[in-house]
Amino acid sequence: MTDIEAEGHVVDHVVQAITKAHPEIDASQVEGLAHEEYAKLEQNPVQDYVEVLTEHAVKQRLHDA
């Protein structure tokens, strides 16, 4: 899987998970936040938890907004 494919997979998962749990939140807003949070984590040497950490960070940002 390429880096672009990996990012797309993570972003898609985060958008689906958050908008399923909170349909009142705009999917495009979640997608933008997911891309931003993924970018912060993509260079970490351990990639096993990037998806979970990205989702958590997006949820936190939405909560804080």
N, C-alpha and C. Protein backbone atom coordinates (compact mmCIF):
# COMPACT_ATOMS: atom_id res chain seq x y z
N MET A 1 0.85 -1.17 0.00
CA MET A 1 0.00 0.00 0.00
C MET A 1 0.89 1.24 0.00
N THR A 2 0.61 2.17 -0.89
CA THR A 2 1.39 3.40 -0.94
C THR A 2 1.00 4.32 0.20
N ASP A 3 1.79 5.36 0.41
CA ASP A 3 1.48 6.33 1.46
C ASP A 3 0.15 7.02 1.20
N ILE A 4 -0.12 7.34 -0.05
CA ILE A 4 -1.38 8.00 -0.40
C ILE A 4 -2.55 7.07 -0.15
N GLU A 5 -2.40 5.80 -0.49
CA GLU A 5 -3.46 4.82 -0.23
C GLU A 5 -3.68 4.64 1.26
N ALA A 6 -2.58 4.62 2.03
CA ALA A 6 -2.69 4.45 3.48
C ALA A 6 -3.42 5.63 4.09
N GLU A 7 -3.07 6.84 3.66
CA GLU A 7 -3.75 8.03 4.18
C GLU A 7 -5.23 7.98 3.82
N GLY A 8 -5.54 7.64 2.58
CA GLY A 8 -6.94 7.54 2.15
C GLY A 8 -7.72 6.54 2.97
N HIS A 9 -7.10 5.41 3.27
CA HIS A 9 -7.76 4.39 4.08
C HIS A 9 -8.06 4.91 5.47
N VAL A 10 -7.08 5.53 6.09
CA VAL A 10 -7.26 6.06 7.46
C VAL A 10 -8.32 7.16 7.46
N VAL A 11 -8.23 8.09 6.53
CA VAL A 11 -9.19 9.19 6.48
C VAL A 11 -10.60 8.66 6.24
N ASP A 12 -10.76 7.74 5.32
CA ASP A 12 -12.08 7.15 5.06
C ASP A 12 -12.65 6.49 6.31
N HIS A 13 -11.81 5.73 7.01
CA HIS A 13 -12.26 5.06 8.22
C HIS A 13 -12.71 6.07 9.27
N VAL A 14 -11.91 7.10 9.47
CA VAL A 14 -12.23 8.11 10.48
C VAL A 14 -13.53 8.82 10.12
N VAL A 15 -13.69 9.21 8.87
CA VAL A 15 -14.92 9.89 8.44
C VAL A 15 -16.13 8.99 8.66
N GLN A 16 -16.04 7.74 8.27
CA GLN A 16 -17.16 6.81 8.44
C GLN A 16 -17.49 6.60 9.90
N ALA A 17 -16.48 6.39 10.72
CA ALA A 17 -16.72 6.11 12.14
C ALA A 17 -17.36 7.30 12.85
N ILE A 18 -16.84 8.49 12.59
CA ILE A 18 -17.34 9.67 13.30
C ILE A 18 -18.71 10.08 12.78
N THR A 19 -18.91 10.07 11.47
CA THR A 19 -20.22 10.50 10.95
C THR A 19 -21.30 9.46 11.23
N LYS A 20 -20.92 8.21 11.39
CA LYS A 20 -21.91 7.19 11.77
C LYS A 20 -22.37 7.43 13.20
N ALA A 21 -21.44 7.74 14.08
CA ALA A 21 -21.78 7.99 15.48
C ALA A 21 -22.42 9.36 15.68
N HIS A 22 -22.07 10.32 14.81
CA HIS A 22 -22.55 11.70 14.93
C HIS A 22 -22.98 12.22 13.56
N PRO A 23 -24.14 11.79 13.07
CA PRO A 23 -24.56 12.18 11.72
C PRO A 23 -24.79 13.69 11.55
N GLU A 24 -24.87 14.41 12.64
CA GLU A 24 -25.07 15.85 12.56
C GLU A 24 -23.78 16.59 12.18
N ILE A 25 -22.65 15.92 12.23
CA ILE A 25 -21.37 16.54 11.88
C ILE A 25 -21.11 16.36 10.39
N ASP A 26 -20.73 17.44 9.75
CA ASP A 26 -20.48 17.44 8.31
C ASP A 26 -19.27 16.57 7.97
N ALA A 27 -19.45 15.66 7.04
CA ALA A 27 -18.38 14.73 6.66
C ALA A 27 -17.17 15.45 6.09
N SER A 28 -17.39 16.54 5.36
CA SER A 28 -16.24 17.25 4.78
C SER A 28 -15.40 17.91 5.87
N GLN A 29 -16.02 18.35 6.95
CA GLN A 29 -15.27 18.91 8.08
C GLN A 29 -14.41 17.82 8.73
N VAL A 30 -15.01 16.65 8.94
CA VAL A 30 -14.28 15.53 9.53
C VAL A 30 -13.13 15.12 8.62
N GLU A 31 -13.38 15.08 7.32
CA GLU A 31 -12.33 14.69 6.38
C GLU A 31 -11.15 15.65 6.44
N GLY A 32 -11.42 16.94 6.48
CA GLY A 32 -10.34 17.92 6.56
C GLY A 32 -9.52 17.76 7.82
N LEU A 33 -10.20 17.58 8.94
CA LEU A 33 -9.50 17.39 10.21
C LEU A 33 -8.69 16.09 10.20
N ALA A 34 -9.26 15.05 9.61
CA ALA A 34 -8.56 13.76 9.55
C ALA A 34 -7.27 13.88 8.73
N HIS A 35 -7.32 14.60 7.62
CA HIS A 35 -6.10 14.80 6.82
C HIS A 35 -5.06 15.57 7.63
N GLU A 36 -5.48 16.59 8.34
CA GLU A 36 -4.54 17.37 9.16
C GLU A 36 -3.90 16.52 10.25
N GLU A 37 -4.71 15.75 10.94
CA GLU A 37 -4.19 14.92 12.04
C GLU A 37 -3.32 13.79 11.52
N TYR A 38 -3.70 13.20 10.40
CA TYR A 38 -2.89 12.15 9.80
C TYR A 38 -1.50 12.69 9.44
N ALA A 39 -1.47 13.89 8.88
CA ALA A 39 -0.20 14.50 8.49
C ALA A 39 0.74 14.67 9.68
N LYS A 40 0.18 14.91 10.84
CA LYS A 40 1.01 15.06 12.05
C LYS A 40 1.64 13.73 12.48
N LEU A 41 0.98 12.63 12.13
CA LEU A 41 1.41 11.31 12.61
C LEU A 41 2.12 10.45 11.56
N GLU A 42 2.05 10.83 10.29
CA GLU A 42 2.51 9.93 9.25
C GLU A 42 4.02 9.66 9.26
N GLN A 43 4.80 10.50 9.90
CA GLN A 43 6.25 10.29 9.94
C GLN A 43 6.70 9.52 11.18
N ASN A 44 5.78 9.18 12.05
CA ASN A 44 6.15 8.41 13.25
C ASN A 44 6.70 7.05 12.84
N PRO A 45 7.72 6.57 13.53
CA PRO A 45 8.31 5.29 13.16
C PRO A 45 7.36 4.10 13.38
N VAL A 46 6.48 4.19 14.34
CA VAL A 46 5.51 3.12 14.60
C VAL A 46 4.18 3.55 14.00
N GLN A 47 3.73 2.81 13.01
CA GLN A 47 2.51 3.17 12.29
C GLN A 47 1.29 2.35 12.71
N ASP A 48 1.45 1.44 13.65
CA ASP A 48 0.37 0.54 14.04
C ASP A 48 -0.86 1.26 14.56
N TYR A 49 -0.70 2.39 15.18
CA TYR A 49 -1.82 3.06 15.84
C TYR A 49 -2.20 4.38 15.20
N VAL A 50 -1.70 4.66 14.01
CA VAL A 50 -1.99 5.94 13.37
C VAL A 50 -3.49 6.13 13.17
N GLU A 51 -4.18 5.09 12.75
CA GLU A 51 -5.63 5.19 12.50
C GLU A 51 -6.38 5.55 13.78
N VAL A 52 -6.09 4.86 14.86
CA VAL A 52 -6.75 5.10 16.14
C VAL A 52 -6.41 6.49 16.68
N LEU A 53 -5.13 6.86 16.58
CA LEU A 53 -4.71 8.17 17.07
C LEU A 53 -5.31 9.30 16.25
N THR A 54 -5.42 9.10 14.95
CA THR A 54 -6.03 10.10 14.08
C THR A 54 -7.50 10.29 14.46
N GLU A 55 -8.22 9.18 14.62
CA GLU A 55 -9.63 9.27 15.00
C GLU A 55 -9.79 9.97 16.34
N HIS A 56 -8.97 9.62 17.30
CA HIS A 56 -9.05 10.23 18.62
C HIS A 56 -8.80 11.74 18.54
N ALA A 57 -7.79 12.14 17.78
CA ALA A 57 -7.46 13.56 17.66
C ALA A 57 -8.58 14.34 16.99
N VAL A 58 -9.21 13.76 15.97
CA VAL A 58 -10.32 14.43 15.30
C VAL A 58 -11.49 14.58 16.26
N LYS A 59 -11.81 13.54 16.99
CA LYS A 59 -12.90 13.62 17.97
C LYS A 59 -12.62 14.71 19.00
N GLN A 60 -11.40 14.80 19.46
CA GLN A 60 -11.03 15.81 20.45
C GLN A 60 -11.19 17.21 19.87
N ARG A 61 -10.74 17.41 18.65
CA ARG A 61 -10.86 18.73 18.02
C ARG A 61 -12.31 19.11 17.80
N LEU A 62 -13.15 18.15 17.41
CA LEU A 62 -14.57 18.44 17.24
C LEU A 62 -15.21 18.78 18.58
N HIS A 63 -14.81 18.09 19.61
CA HIS A 63 -15.35 18.34 20.95
C HIS A 63 -14.95 19.72 21.45
N ASP A 64 -13.69 20.10 21.17
CA ASP A 64 -13.17 21.38 21.65
C ASP A 64 -13.71 22.58 20.86
N ALA A 65 -14.19 22.31 19.64
CA ALA A 65 -14.65 23.41 18.77
C ALA A 65 -15.91 24.07 19.27
